[in-house]
Amino acid sequence: MPAPRLEERARLFALLRYPDEEYGDDGGVELYGVQVPDGSVATITVSGRPHGCWSSCDRVAGQLGLHLVWLDVECSA
């Protein structure tokens, strides 16, 4: 069975905050999330608590001022 195309499967991501040396913040993962095939996403905190549902990864990253990093490996087909 061929692997599903990237746009046909859920994708995992993390949202990172940048380090802020002025405040002694080393940065790190702020939220984890999953993007479903329709493009919408759900996020959870690093402790596993529900955080929110969003229309897109770009929207949540932009609104919260965080950096999006994909955690899954892209399909190569």
N, C-alpha and C. Protein backbone atom coordinates (compact mmCIF):
# COMPACT_ATOMS: atom_id res chain seq x y z
N MET A 1 0.85 -1.17 0.00
CA MET A 1 0.00 0.00 0.00
C MET A 1 0.90 1.24 0.00
N PRO A 2 0.69 2.17 -0.91
CA PRO A 2 1.52 3.37 -0.94
C PRO A 2 1.24 4.27 0.26
N ALA A 3 2.26 5.00 0.68
CA ALA A 3 2.11 5.94 1.79
C ALA A 3 1.19 7.08 1.36
N PRO A 4 0.38 7.59 2.30
CA PRO A 4 -0.50 8.71 1.95
C PRO A 4 0.33 9.95 1.59
N ARG A 5 -0.17 10.73 0.65
CA ARG A 5 0.49 11.98 0.31
C ARG A 5 0.43 12.93 1.49
N LEU A 6 1.36 13.87 1.53
CA LEU A 6 1.47 14.81 2.64
C LEU A 6 0.15 15.51 2.94
N GLU A 7 -0.57 15.93 1.89
CA GLU A 7 -1.82 16.66 2.12
C GLU A 7 -2.98 15.77 2.54
N GLU A 8 -2.76 14.44 2.60
CA GLU A 8 -3.82 13.50 2.97
C GLU A 8 -3.66 12.93 4.37
N ARG A 9 -2.73 13.42 5.14
CA ARG A 9 -2.51 12.84 6.47
C ARG A 9 -2.31 13.95 7.51
N ALA A 10 -2.48 13.57 8.75
CA ALA A 10 -2.24 14.51 9.84
C ALA A 10 -0.73 14.73 9.99
N ARG A 11 -0.35 15.94 10.40
CA ARG A 11 1.07 16.28 10.60
C ARG A 11 1.26 16.85 11.99
N LEU A 12 2.36 16.49 12.62
CA LEU A 12 2.69 16.96 13.96
C LEU A 12 3.65 18.14 13.88
N PHE A 13 3.49 19.09 14.81
CA PHE A 13 4.37 20.25 14.84
C PHE A 13 4.57 20.73 16.27
N ALA A 14 5.56 21.59 16.43
CA ALA A 14 5.80 22.26 17.71
C ALA A 14 5.84 23.76 17.44
N LEU A 15 5.46 24.52 18.42
CA LEU A 15 5.56 25.97 18.35
C LEU A 15 6.56 26.41 19.42
N LEU A 16 7.62 27.07 18.96
CA LEU A 16 8.74 27.45 19.83
C LEU A 16 8.74 28.93 20.10
N ARG A 17 9.19 29.28 21.30
CA ARG A 17 9.43 30.69 21.60
C ARG A 17 10.94 30.91 21.49
N TYR A 18 11.29 32.05 20.99
CA TYR A 18 12.70 32.40 20.83
C TYR A 18 13.31 32.76 22.18
N PRO A 19 14.61 32.54 22.35
CA PRO A 19 15.27 32.95 23.59
C PRO A 19 15.20 34.47 23.75
N ASP A 20 15.11 34.92 24.98
CA ASP A 20 15.14 36.35 25.31
C ASP A 20 16.14 36.53 26.42
N GLU A 21 17.37 36.81 26.05
CA GLU A 21 18.46 36.91 27.03
C GLU A 21 18.21 38.02 28.05
N GLU A 22 17.54 39.08 27.63
CA GLU A 22 17.27 40.20 28.54
C GLU A 22 16.48 39.75 29.76
N TYR A 23 15.57 38.78 29.57
CA TYR A 23 14.74 38.28 30.66
C TYR A 23 15.17 36.91 31.16
N GLY A 24 16.30 36.41 30.68
CA GLY A 24 16.79 35.11 31.13
C GLY A 24 15.98 33.93 30.63
N ASP A 25 15.28 34.10 29.51
CA ASP A 25 14.47 33.04 28.93
C ASP A 25 15.28 32.32 27.86
N ASP A 26 15.48 31.01 28.03
CA ASP A 26 16.26 30.22 27.09
C ASP A 26 15.47 29.82 25.86
N GLY A 27 14.20 30.15 25.80
CA GLY A 27 13.35 29.73 24.69
C GLY A 27 12.95 28.28 24.88
N GLY A 28 12.31 27.72 23.87
CA GLY A 28 11.91 26.31 23.94
C GLY A 28 10.52 26.08 23.41
N VAL A 29 10.05 24.86 23.58
CA VAL A 29 8.73 24.48 23.09
C VAL A 29 7.66 25.11 23.97
N GLU A 30 6.73 25.77 23.34
CA GLU A 30 5.60 26.38 24.04
C GLU A 30 4.36 25.50 23.91
N LEU A 31 4.13 24.96 22.69
CA LEU A 31 2.95 24.15 22.42
C LEU A 31 3.31 23.05 21.42
N TYR A 32 2.54 21.97 21.45
CA TYR A 32 2.59 20.93 20.43
C TYR A 32 1.25 20.96 19.71
N GLY A 33 1.23 20.46 18.48
CA GLY A 33 -0.02 20.46 17.75
C GLY A 33 -0.07 19.42 16.65
N VAL A 34 -1.27 19.29 16.11
CA VAL A 34 -1.51 18.40 14.98
C VAL A 34 -2.34 19.16 13.95
N GLN A 35 -1.92 19.04 12.70
CA GLN A 35 -2.67 19.62 11.59
C GLN A 35 -3.37 18.48 10.86
N VAL A 36 -4.67 18.57 10.70
CA VAL A 36 -5.44 17.54 9.99
C VAL A 36 -5.51 17.91 8.51
N PRO A 37 -5.91 16.95 7.65
CA PRO A 37 -5.89 17.19 6.21
C PRO A 37 -6.62 18.44 5.72
N ASP A 38 -7.65 18.90 6.42
CA ASP A 38 -8.34 20.12 5.95
C ASP A 38 -7.57 21.39 6.30
N GLY A 39 -6.43 21.27 6.99
CA GLY A 39 -5.60 22.42 7.33
C GLY A 39 -5.81 22.97 8.72
N SER A 40 -6.90 22.58 9.38
CA SER A 40 -7.13 23.08 10.74
C SER A 40 -6.20 22.37 11.72
N VAL A 41 -5.99 22.99 12.86
CA VAL A 41 -5.05 22.46 13.84
C VAL A 41 -5.62 22.49 15.24
N ALA A 42 -5.09 21.61 16.08
CA ALA A 42 -5.39 21.61 17.51
C ALA A 42 -4.04 21.65 18.23
N THR A 43 -3.99 22.41 19.32
CA THR A 43 -2.75 22.54 20.08
C THR A 43 -2.95 22.10 21.53
N ILE A 44 -1.83 21.62 22.10
CA ILE A 44 -1.80 21.26 23.52
C ILE A 44 -0.55 21.87 24.15
N THR A 45 -0.58 22.03 25.45
CA THR A 45 0.59 22.55 26.17
C THR A 45 1.62 21.43 26.30
N VAL A 46 2.83 21.78 26.71
CA VAL A 46 3.87 20.77 26.87
C VAL A 46 3.52 19.77 27.97
N SER A 47 2.63 20.14 28.87
CA SER A 47 2.19 19.21 29.92
C SER A 47 1.00 18.35 29.47
N GLY A 48 0.53 18.56 28.21
CA GLY A 48 -0.54 17.73 27.66
C GLY A 48 -1.94 18.26 27.82
N ARG A 49 -2.09 19.47 28.34
CA ARG A 49 -3.43 20.05 28.51
C ARG A 49 -3.90 20.67 27.19
N PRO A 50 -5.20 20.55 26.89
CA PRO A 50 -5.72 21.18 25.67
C PRO A 50 -5.45 22.68 25.66
N HIS A 51 -5.15 23.21 24.51
CA HIS A 51 -4.87 24.64 24.40
C HIS A 51 -5.86 25.35 23.48
N GLY A 52 -6.06 24.81 22.27
CA GLY A 52 -7.00 25.48 21.38
C GLY A 52 -7.12 24.81 20.03
N CYS A 53 -8.08 25.29 19.26
CA CYS A 53 -8.29 24.85 17.88
C CYS A 53 -8.16 26.09 17.00
N TRP A 54 -7.52 25.91 15.85
CA TRP A 54 -7.17 27.04 14.99
C TRP A 54 -7.46 26.70 13.55
N SER A 55 -7.59 27.70 12.71
CA SER A 55 -7.86 27.48 11.30
C SER A 55 -6.62 27.07 10.52
N SER A 56 -5.42 27.39 11.03
CA SER A 56 -4.19 27.01 10.35
C SER A 56 -3.00 27.14 11.29
N CYS A 57 -1.91 26.49 10.93
CA CYS A 57 -0.67 26.58 11.70
C CYS A 57 -0.12 28.01 11.67
N ASP A 58 -0.18 28.63 10.49
CA ASP A 58 0.33 29.99 10.37
C ASP A 58 -0.44 30.96 11.26
N ARG A 59 -1.74 30.73 11.37
CA ARG A 59 -2.56 31.62 12.21
C ARG A 59 -2.17 31.54 13.68
N VAL A 60 -2.04 30.34 14.21
CA VAL A 60 -1.69 30.21 15.62
C VAL A 60 -0.27 30.71 15.87
N ALA A 61 0.67 30.38 14.99
CA ALA A 61 2.05 30.83 15.17
C ALA A 61 2.12 32.36 15.14
N GLY A 62 1.45 32.96 14.17
CA GLY A 62 1.47 34.41 14.04
C GLY A 62 0.78 35.12 15.19
N GLN A 63 -0.36 34.60 15.59
CA GLN A 63 -1.13 35.24 16.65
C GLN A 63 -0.40 35.19 17.99
N LEU A 64 0.34 34.09 18.23
CA LEU A 64 1.03 33.94 19.50
C LEU A 64 2.50 34.34 19.43
N GLY A 65 2.98 34.71 18.24
CA GLY A 65 4.37 35.13 18.10
C GLY A 65 5.35 34.00 18.29
N LEU A 66 5.01 32.80 17.81
CA LEU A 66 5.85 31.62 17.99
C LEU A 66 6.36 31.13 16.65
N HIS A 67 7.40 30.31 16.69
CA HIS A 67 8.03 29.76 15.49
C HIS A 67 7.55 28.33 15.26
N LEU A 68 7.07 28.04 14.06
CA LEU A 68 6.53 26.73 13.70
C LEU A 68 7.64 25.80 13.24
N VAL A 69 7.68 24.58 13.81
CA VAL A 69 8.64 23.55 13.43
C VAL A 69 7.87 22.25 13.23
N TRP A 70 7.97 21.66 12.01
CA TRP A 70 7.32 20.39 11.74
C TRP A 70 8.11 19.26 12.40
N LEU A 71 7.42 18.32 13.04
CA LEU A 71 8.08 17.23 13.74
C LEU A 71 8.08 15.92 12.96
N ASP A 72 7.22 15.81 11.98
CA ASP A 72 7.16 14.57 11.21
C ASP A 72 8.04 14.67 9.97
N VAL A 73 8.40 13.54 9.44
CA VAL A 73 9.21 13.49 8.25
C VAL A 73 8.29 13.56 7.03
N GLU A 74 8.66 14.39 6.07
CA GLU A 74 7.84 14.50 4.86
C GLU A 74 7.90 13.22 4.06
N CYS A 75 6.78 12.90 3.41
CA CYS A 75 6.72 11.74 2.53
C CYS A 75 7.56 12.01 1.28
N SER A 76 8.25 11.03 0.83
CA SER A 76 8.99 11.18 -0.42
C SER A 76 8.44 10.16 -1.42
N ALA A 77 7.48 10.60 -2.21
CA ALA A 77 6.86 9.69 -3.18
C ALA A 77 6.83 10.33 -4.54
